[in-house]
Amino acid sequence: MSLVKRRRSWSDLTTCQRGAVVAPAGVELSLAVAAWADLASRDPRELHGSTRKWAAIISVNFVGPIVYSTRARRASDGTLSG
């Protein structure tokens, strides 16, 4: 018996398993696109930190876009929102 596991291909997955892969990937992609679009349209003075820093943070799976959404933007009075 071989100890090396065969890697499963997409066609080996059931419909339910495929959905379990596609759904979170879609959510992650949507969060990242929304965060990058907001970052691109926002004046750097409205951010807490540099644009480059936030672009790097957004690229971290799931966590990055959520952190950007909750921590990056300043309130109109210059304080952090949230």
PDB file of N, CA and C in Angstrom:
ATOM      1  N   MET A   1       0.843  -1.173   0.000  1.00  0.00           N
ATOM      2  CA  MET A   1       0.000   0.000   0.000  1.00  0.00           C
ATOM      3  C   MET A   1       0.892   1.240   0.000  1.00  0.00           C
ATOM      4  N   SER A   2       0.570   2.167  -0.863  1.00  0.00           N
ATOM      5  CA  SER A   2       1.354   3.392  -0.993  1.00  0.00           C
ATOM      6  C   SER A   2       0.958   4.403   0.081  1.00  0.00           C
ATOM      7  N   LEU A   3       1.949   5.067   0.654  1.00  0.00           N
ATOM      8  CA  LEU A   3       1.695   6.076   1.669  1.00  0.00           C
ATOM      9  C   LEU A   3       1.444   7.454   1.064  1.00  0.00           C
ATOM     10  N   VAL A   4       1.703   7.603  -0.214  1.00  0.00           N
ATOM     11  CA  VAL A   4       1.499   8.884  -0.890  1.00  0.00           C
ATOM     12  C   VAL A   4       0.042   8.984  -1.327  1.00  0.00           C
ATOM     13  N   LYS A   5      -0.621  10.053  -0.871  1.00  0.00           N
ATOM     14  CA  LYS A   5      -2.020  10.243  -1.264  1.00  0.00           C
ATOM     15  C   LYS A   5      -2.082  10.850  -2.648  1.00  0.00           C
ATOM     16  N   ARG A   6      -3.020  10.363  -3.432  1.00  0.00           N
ATOM     17  CA  ARG A   6      -3.232  10.932  -4.751  1.00  0.00           C
ATOM     18  C   ARG A   6      -3.978  12.238  -4.591  1.00  0.00           C
ATOM     19  N   ARG A   7      -3.525  13.234  -5.273  1.00  0.00           N
ATOM     20  CA  ARG A   7      -4.175  14.537  -5.217  1.00  0.00           C
ATOM     21  C   ARG A   7      -5.514  14.469  -5.946  1.00  0.00           C
ATOM     22  N   ARG A   8      -6.554  15.021  -5.326  1.00  0.00           N
ATOM     23  CA  ARG A   8      -7.888  14.977  -5.924  1.00  0.00           C
ATOM     24  C   ARG A   8      -8.019  16.084  -6.951  1.00  0.00           C
ATOM     25  N   SER A   9      -8.618  15.772  -8.050  1.00  0.00           N
ATOM     26  CA  SER A   9      -8.866  16.781  -9.080  1.00  0.00           C
ATOM     27  C   SER A   9     -10.292  17.311  -8.921  1.00  0.00           C
ATOM     28  N   TRP A  10     -10.583  18.399  -9.616  1.00  0.00           N
ATOM     29  CA  TRP A  10     -11.896  19.025  -9.551  1.00  0.00           C
ATOM     30  C   TRP A  10     -12.989  18.022  -9.919  1.00  0.00           C
ATOM     31  N   SER A  11     -12.729  17.190 -10.903  1.00  0.00           N
ATOM     32  CA  SER A  11     -13.741  16.226 -11.355  1.00  0.00           C
ATOM     33  C   SER A  11     -13.998  15.127 -10.324  1.00  0.00           C
ATOM     34  N   ASP A  12     -13.096  14.939  -9.376  1.00  0.00           N
ATOM     35  CA  ASP A  12     -13.299  13.946  -8.315  1.00  0.00           C
ATOM     36  C   ASP A  12     -14.262  14.440  -7.232  1.00  0.00           C
ATOM     37  N   LEU A  13     -14.500  15.746  -7.168  1.00  0.00           N
ATOM     38  CA  LEU A  13     -15.325  16.322  -6.119  1.00  0.00           C
ATOM     39  C   LEU A  13     -16.810  16.199  -6.452  1.00  0.00           C
ATOM     40  N   THR A  14     -17.616  16.039  -5.414  1.00  0.00           N
ATOM     41  CA  THR A  14     -19.065  16.031  -5.601  1.00  0.00           C
ATOM     42  C   THR A  14     -19.543  17.466  -5.790  1.00  0.00           C
ATOM     43  N   THR A  15     -20.780  17.637  -6.180  1.00  0.00           N
ATOM     44  CA  THR A  15     -21.347  18.974  -6.360  1.00  0.00           C
ATOM     45  C   THR A  15     -21.321  19.751  -5.051  1.00  0.00           C
ATOM     46  N   CYS A  16     -21.616  19.095  -3.960  1.00  0.00           N
ATOM     47  CA  CYS A  16     -21.600  19.731  -2.647  1.00  0.00           C
ATOM     48  C   CYS A  16     -20.176  20.178  -2.277  1.00  0.00           C
ATOM     49  N   GLN A  17     -19.205  19.343  -2.547  1.00  0.00           N
ATOM     50  CA  GLN A  17     -17.819  19.684  -2.252  1.00  0.00           C
ATOM     51  C   GLN A  17     -17.342  20.856  -3.123  1.00  0.00           C
ATOM     52  N   ARG A  18     -17.755  20.864  -4.370  1.00  0.00           N
ATOM     53  CA  ARG A  18     -17.389  21.981  -5.254  1.00  0.00           C
ATOM     54  C   ARG A  18     -17.980  23.291  -4.732  1.00  0.00           C
ATOM     55  N   GLY A  19     -19.223  23.222  -4.286  1.00  0.00           N
ATOM     56  CA  GLY A  19     -19.862  24.413  -3.715  1.00  0.00           C
ATOM     57  C   GLY A  19     -19.147  24.893  -2.470  1.00  0.00           C
ATOM     58  N   ALA A  20     -18.643  23.941  -1.677  1.00  0.00           N
ATOM     59  CA  ALA A  20     -17.916  24.290  -0.463  1.00  0.00           C
ATOM     60  C   ALA A  20     -16.579  24.957  -0.773  1.00  0.00           C
ATOM     61  N   VAL A  21     -16.079  24.786  -1.968  1.00  0.00           N
ATOM     62  CA  VAL A  21     -14.852  25.455  -2.398  1.00  0.00           C
ATOM     63  C   VAL A  21     -15.182  26.796  -3.050  1.00  0.00           C
ATOM     64  N   VAL A  22     -16.185  26.823  -3.913  1.00  0.00           N
ATOM     65  CA  VAL A  22     -16.501  28.010  -4.697  1.00  0.00           C
ATOM     66  C   VAL A  22     -17.127  29.120  -3.847  1.00  0.00           C
ATOM     67  N   ALA A  23     -18.008  28.790  -2.944  1.00  0.00           N
ATOM     68  CA  ALA A  23     -18.704  29.813  -2.154  1.00  0.00           C
ATOM     69  C   ALA A  23     -17.746  30.670  -1.319  1.00  0.00           C
ATOM     70  N   PRO A  24     -16.872  30.075  -0.512  1.00  0.00           N
ATOM     71  CA  PRO A  24     -15.944  30.920   0.247  1.00  0.00           C
ATOM     72  C   PRO A  24     -14.977  31.690  -0.641  1.00  0.00           C
ATOM     73  N   ALA A  25     -14.587  31.088  -1.753  1.00  0.00           N
ATOM     74  CA  ALA A  25     -13.691  31.785  -2.675  1.00  0.00           C
ATOM     75  C   ALA A  25     -14.384  33.016  -3.260  1.00  0.00           C
ATOM     76  N   GLY A  26     -15.660  32.896  -3.567  1.00  0.00           N
ATOM     77  CA  GLY A  26     -16.419  34.034  -4.082  1.00  0.00           C
ATOM     78  C   GLY A  26     -16.564  35.137  -3.053  1.00  0.00           C
ATOM     79  N   VAL A  27     -16.798  34.762  -1.810  1.00  0.00           N
ATOM     80  CA  VAL A  27     -16.906  35.748  -0.731  1.00  0.00           C
ATOM     81  C   VAL A  27     -15.571  36.460  -0.552  1.00  0.00           C
ATOM     82  N   GLU A  28     -14.501  35.695  -0.511  1.00  0.00           N
ATOM     83  CA  GLU A  28     -13.163  36.275  -0.342  1.00  0.00           C
ATOM     84  C   GLU A  28     -12.831  37.237  -1.479  1.00  0.00           C
ATOM     85  N   LEU A  29     -13.108  36.839  -2.701  1.00  0.00           N
ATOM     86  CA  LEU A  29     -12.841  37.690  -3.855  1.00  0.00           C
ATOM     87  C   LEU A  29     -13.683  38.963  -3.807  1.00  0.00           C
ATOM     88  N   SER A  30     -14.945  38.836  -3.440  1.00  0.00           N
ATOM     89  CA  SER A  30     -15.820  40.009  -3.343  1.00  0.00           C
ATOM     90  C   SER A  30     -15.327  40.994  -2.286  1.00  0.00           C
ATOM     91  N   LEU A  31     -14.924  40.487  -1.138  1.00  0.00           N
ATOM     92  CA  LEU A  31     -14.403  41.355  -0.083  1.00  0.00           C
ATOM     93  C   LEU A  31     -13.137  42.082  -0.542  1.00  0.00           C
ATOM     94  N   ALA A  32     -12.236  41.352  -1.184  1.00  0.00           N
ATOM     95  CA  ALA A  32     -10.984  41.957  -1.634  1.00  0.00           C
ATOM     96  C   ALA A  32     -11.229  43.006  -2.717  1.00  0.00           C
ATOM     97  N   VAL A  33     -12.085  42.718  -3.679  1.00  0.00           N
ATOM     98  CA  VAL A  33     -12.370  43.673  -4.752  1.00  0.00           C
ATOM     99  C   VAL A  33     -13.001  44.941  -4.179  1.00  0.00           C
ATOM    100  N   ALA A  34     -13.939  44.777  -3.259  1.00  0.00           N
ATOM    101  CA  ALA A  34     -14.581  45.943  -2.645  1.00  0.00           C
ATOM    102  C   ALA A  34     -13.565  46.783  -1.865  1.00  0.00           C
ATOM    103  N   ALA A  35     -12.683  46.127  -1.121  1.00  0.00           N
ATOM    104  CA  ALA A  35     -11.678  46.852  -0.335  1.00  0.00           C
ATOM    105  C   ALA A  35     -10.688  47.565  -1.249  1.00  0.00           C
ATOM    106  N   TRP A  36     -10.216  46.891  -2.309  1.00  0.00           N
ATOM    107  CA  TRP A  36      -9.271  47.536  -3.225  1.00  0.00           C
ATOM    108  C   TRP A  36      -9.926  48.685  -3.980  1.00  0.00           C
ATOM    109  N   ALA A  37     -11.179  48.543  -4.347  1.00  0.00           N
ATOM    110  CA  ALA A  37     -11.889  49.632  -5.035  1.00  0.00           C
ATOM    111  C   ALA A  37     -12.028  50.836  -4.104  1.00  0.00           C
ATOM    112  N   ASP A  38     -12.361  50.585  -2.849  1.00  0.00           N
ATOM    113  CA  ASP A  38     -12.463  51.669  -1.883  1.00  0.00           C
ATOM    114  C   ASP A  38     -11.104  52.329  -1.678  1.00  0.00           C
ATOM    115  N   LEU A  39     -10.070  51.532  -1.552  1.00  0.00           N
ATOM    116  CA  LEU A  39      -8.717  52.064  -1.357  1.00  0.00           C
ATOM    117  C   LEU A  39      -8.287  52.927  -2.543  1.00  0.00           C
ATOM    118  N   ALA A  40      -8.599  52.477  -3.754  1.00  0.00           N
ATOM    119  CA  ALA A  40      -8.207  53.223  -4.950  1.00  0.00           C
ATOM    120  C   ALA A  40      -8.938  54.557  -5.067  1.00  0.00           C
ATOM    121  N   SER A  41     -10.151  54.622  -4.569  1.00  0.00           N
ATOM    122  CA  SER A  41     -10.941  55.842  -4.711  1.00  0.00           C
ATOM    123  C   SER A  41     -10.811  56.784  -3.519  1.00  0.00           C
ATOM    124  N   ARG A  42     -10.169  56.340  -2.451  1.00  0.00           N
ATOM    125  CA  ARG A  42     -10.089  57.125  -1.228  1.00  0.00           C
ATOM    126  C   ARG A  42      -8.835  57.997  -1.212  1.00  0.00           C
ATOM    127  N   ASP A  43      -8.980  59.227  -0.737  1.00  0.00           N
ATOM    128  CA  ASP A  43      -7.856  60.144  -0.553  1.00  0.00           C
ATOM    129  C   ASP A  43      -6.946  59.553   0.523  1.00  0.00           C
ATOM    130  N   PRO A  44      -5.643  59.489   0.283  1.00  0.00           N
ATOM    131  CA  PRO A  44      -4.727  58.907   1.278  1.00  0.00           C
ATOM    132  C   PRO A  44      -4.800  59.575   2.651  1.00  0.00           C
ATOM    133  N   ARG A  45      -5.207  60.835   2.701  1.00  0.00           N
ATOM    134  CA  ARG A  45      -5.337  61.522   3.994  1.00  0.00           C
ATOM    135  C   ARG A  45      -6.500  60.971   4.811  1.00  0.00           C
ATOM    136  N   GLU A  46      -7.386  60.236   4.182  1.00  0.00           N
ATOM    137  CA  GLU A  46      -8.523  59.639   4.881  1.00  0.00           C
ATOM    138  C   GLU A  46      -8.183  58.271   5.477  1.00  0.00           C
ATOM    139  N   LEU A  47      -6.952  57.834   5.289  1.00  0.00           N
ATOM    140  CA  LEU A  47      -6.540  56.515   5.769  1.00  0.00           C
ATOM    141  C   LEU A  47      -5.644  56.633   6.983  1.00  0.00           C
ATOM    142  N   HIS A  48      -5.695  55.635   7.807  1.00  0.00           N
ATOM    143  CA  HIS A  48      -4.783  55.509   8.935  1.00  0.00           C
ATOM    144  C   HIS A  48      -3.612  54.658   8.443  1.00  0.00           C
ATOM    145  N   GLY A  49      -2.551  55.278   7.983  1.00  0.00           N
ATOM    146  CA  GLY A  49      -1.418  54.555   7.418  1.00  0.00           C
ATOM    147  C   GLY A  49      -1.335  54.776   5.924  1.00  0.00           C
ATOM    148  N   SER A  50      -0.344  54.168   5.303  1.00  0.00           N
ATOM    149  CA  SER A  50      -0.096  54.385   3.877  1.00  0.00           C
ATOM    150  C   SER A  50      -0.991  53.498   2.997  1.00  0.00           C
ATOM    151  N   THR A  51      -1.163  53.955   1.783  1.00  0.00           N
ATOM    152  CA  THR A  51      -1.942  53.191   0.800  1.00  0.00           C
ATOM    153  C   THR A  51      -1.270  51.852   0.521  1.00  0.00           C
ATOM    154  N   ARG A  52       0.054  51.855   0.409  1.00  0.00           N
ATOM    155  CA  ARG A  52       0.784  50.601   0.142  1.00  0.00           C
ATOM    156  C   ARG A  52       0.590  49.595   1.272  1.00  0.00           C
ATOM    157  N   LYS A  53       0.625  50.092   2.492  1.00  0.00           N
ATOM    158  CA  LYS A  53       0.429  49.201   3.644  1.00  0.00           C
ATOM    159  C   LYS A  53      -0.947  48.551   3.568  1.00  0.00           C
ATOM    160  N   TRP A  54      -1.975  49.345   3.286  1.00  0.00           N
ATOM    161  CA  TRP A  54      -3.328  48.789   3.245  1.00  0.00           C
ATOM    162  C   TRP A  54      -3.532  47.875   2.049  1.00  0.00           C
ATOM    163  N   ALA A  55      -2.876  48.160   0.921  1.00  0.00           N
ATOM    164  CA  ALA A  55      -2.971  47.261  -0.233  1.00  0.00           C
ATOM    165  C   ALA A  55      -2.390  45.894   0.120  1.00  0.00           C
ATOM    166  N   ALA A  56      -1.274  45.883   0.849  1.00  0.00           N
ATOM    167  CA  ALA A  56      -0.672  44.614   1.271  1.00  0.00           C
ATOM    168  C   ALA A  56      -1.572  43.882   2.260  1.00  0.00           C
ATOM    169  N   ILE A  57      -2.162  44.618   3.176  1.00  0.00           N
ATOM    170  CA  ILE A  57      -3.043  43.997   4.175  1.00  0.00           C
ATOM    171  C   ILE A  57      -4.276  43.396   3.507  1.00  0.00           C
ATOM    172  N   ILE A  58      -4.838  44.092   2.530  1.00  0.00           N
ATOM    173  CA  ILE A  58      -6.025  43.587   1.830  1.00  0.00           C
ATOM    174  C   ILE A  58      -5.732  42.252   1.151  1.00  0.00           C
ATOM    175  N   SER A  59      -4.497  42.034   0.726  1.00  0.00           N
ATOM    176  CA  SER A  59      -4.166  40.803   0.009  1.00  0.00           C
ATOM    177  C   SER A  59      -4.145  39.559   0.899  1.00  0.00           C
ATOM    178  N   VAL A  60      -4.232  39.735   2.213  1.00  0.00           N
ATOM    179  CA  VAL A  60      -4.260  38.594   3.131  1.00  0.00           C
ATOM    180  C   VAL A  60      -5.674  38.002   3.117  1.00  0.00           C
ATOM    181  N   ASN A  61      -5.773  36.719   2.864  1.00  0.00           N
ATOM    182  CA  ASN A  61      -7.075  36.055   2.723  1.00  0.00           C
ATOM    183  C   ASN A  61      -8.049  36.400   3.839  1.00  0.00           C
ATOM    184  N   PHE A  62      -9.264  36.708   3.469  1.00  0.00           N
ATOM    185  CA  PHE A  62     -10.390  37.020   4.346  1.00  0.00           C
ATOM    186  C   PHE A  62     -10.087  38.102   5.374  1.00  0.00           C
ATOM    187  N   VAL A  63      -9.042  37.920   6.131  1.00  0.00           N
ATOM    188  CA  VAL A  63      -8.740  38.818   7.233  1.00  0.00           C
ATOM    189  C   VAL A  63      -8.407  40.226   6.739  1.00  0.00           C
ATOM    190  N   GLY A  64      -7.608  40.331   5.695  1.00  0.00           N
ATOM    191  CA  GLY A  64      -7.154  41.631   5.205  1.00  0.00           C
ATOM    192  C   GLY A  64      -8.278  42.590   4.837  1.00  0.00           C
ATOM    193  N   PRO A  65      -9.215  42.190   3.984  1.00  0.00           N
ATOM    194  CA  PRO A  65     -10.312  43.100   3.647  1.00  0.00           C
ATOM    195  C   PRO A  65     -11.176  43.481   4.848  1.00  0.00           C
ATOM    196  N   ILE A  66     -11.337  42.572   5.779  1.00  0.00           N
ATOM    197  CA  ILE A  66     -12.130  42.872   6.975  1.00  0.00           C
ATOM    198  C   ILE A  66     -11.395  43.875   7.856  1.00  0.00           C
ATOM    199  N   VAL A  67     -10.100  43.686   8.025  1.00  0.00           N
ATOM    200  CA  VAL A  67      -9.304  44.628   8.813  1.00  0.00           C
ATOM    201  C   VAL A  67      -9.321  45.998   8.141  1.00  0.00           C
ATOM    202  N   TYR A  68      -9.174  46.029   6.817  1.00  0.00           N
ATOM    203  CA  TYR A  68      -9.223  47.309   6.096  1.00  0.00           C
ATOM    204  C   TYR A  68     -10.563  48.001   6.353  1.00  0.00           C
ATOM    205  N   SER A  69     -11.638  47.267   6.240  1.00  0.00           N
ATOM    206  CA  SER A  69     -12.966  47.848   6.400  1.00  0.00           C
ATOM    207  C   SER A  69     -13.215  48.384   7.803  1.00  0.00           C
ATOM    208  N   THR A  70     -12.592  47.771   8.792  1.00  0.00           N
ATOM    209  CA  THR A  70     -12.855  48.177  10.173  1.00  0.00           C
ATOM    210  C   THR A  70     -11.818  49.130  10.743  1.00  0.00           C
ATOM    211  N   ARG A  71     -10.605  49.159  10.187  1.00  0.00           N
ATOM    212  CA  ARG A  71      -9.534  49.921  10.816  1.00  0.00           C
ATOM    213  C   ARG A  71      -8.884  51.003   9.953  1.00  0.00           C
ATOM    214  N   ALA A  72      -8.986  50.939   8.655  1.00  0.00           N
ATOM    215  CA  ALA A  72      -8.184  51.812   7.791  1.00  0.00           C
ATOM    216  C   ALA A  72      -8.706  53.233   7.682  1.00  0.00           C
ATOM    217  N   ARG A  73     -10.013  53.397   7.638  1.00  0.00           N
ATOM    218  CA  ARG A  73     -10.583  54.717   7.315  1.00  0.00           C
ATOM    219  C   ARG A  73     -10.689  55.594   8.551  1.00  0.00           C
ATOM    220  N   ARG A  74     -10.393  56.854   8.330  1.00  0.00           N
ATOM    221  CA  ARG A  74     -10.526  57.847   9.388  1.00  0.00           C
ATOM    222  C   ARG A  74     -11.914  58.455   9.322  1.00  0.00           C
ATOM    223  N   ALA A  75     -12.421  58.866  10.453  1.00  0.00           N
ATOM    224  CA  ALA A  75     -13.685  59.594  10.501  1.00  0.00           C
ATOM    225  C   ALA A  75     -13.432  61.007   9.976  1.00  0.00           C
ATOM    226  N   SER A  76     -14.471  61.754   9.702  1.00  0.00           N
ATOM    227  CA  SER A  76     -14.311  63.092   9.139  1.00  0.00           C
ATOM    228  C   SER A  76     -13.547  64.044  10.049  1.00  0.00           C
ATOM    229  N   ASP A  77     -13.515  63.761  11.347  1.00  0.00           N
ATOM    230  CA  ASP A  77     -12.772  64.627  12.263  1.00  0.00           C
ATOM    231  C   ASP A  77     -11.316  64.192  12.423  1.00  0.00           C
ATOM    232  N   GLY A  78     -10.874  63.182  11.637  1.00  0.00           N
ATOM    233  CA  GLY A  78      -9.499  62.743  11.649  1.00  0.00           C
ATOM    234  C   GLY A  78      -9.212  61.589  12.584  1.00  0.00           C
ATOM    235  N   THR A  79     -10.198  61.166  13.358  1.00  0.00           N
ATOM    236  CA  THR A  79     -10.002  60.024  14.243  1.00  0.00           C
ATOM    237  C   THR A  79     -10.347  58.749  13.493  1.00  0.00           C
ATOM    238  N   LEU A  80      -9.956  57.633  14.038  1.00  0.00           N
ATOM    239  CA  LEU A  80     -10.293  56.355  13.402  1.00  0.00           C
ATOM    240  C   LEU A  80     -11.762  56.065  13.568  1.00  0.00           C
ATOM    241  N   SER A  81     -12.371  55.587  12.482  1.00  0.00           N
ATOM    242  CA  SER A  81     -13.788  55.190  12.580  1.00  0.00           C
ATOM    243  C   SER A  81     -13.846  53.773  13.096  1.00  0.00           C
ATOM    244  N   GLY A  82     -14.991  53.414  13.666  1.00  0.00           N
ATOM    245  CA  GLY A  82     -15.211  52.050  14.112  1.00  0.00           C
ATOM    246  C   GLY A  82     -14.845  51.777  15.476  1.00  0.00           C
TER     247      GLY A  82
END
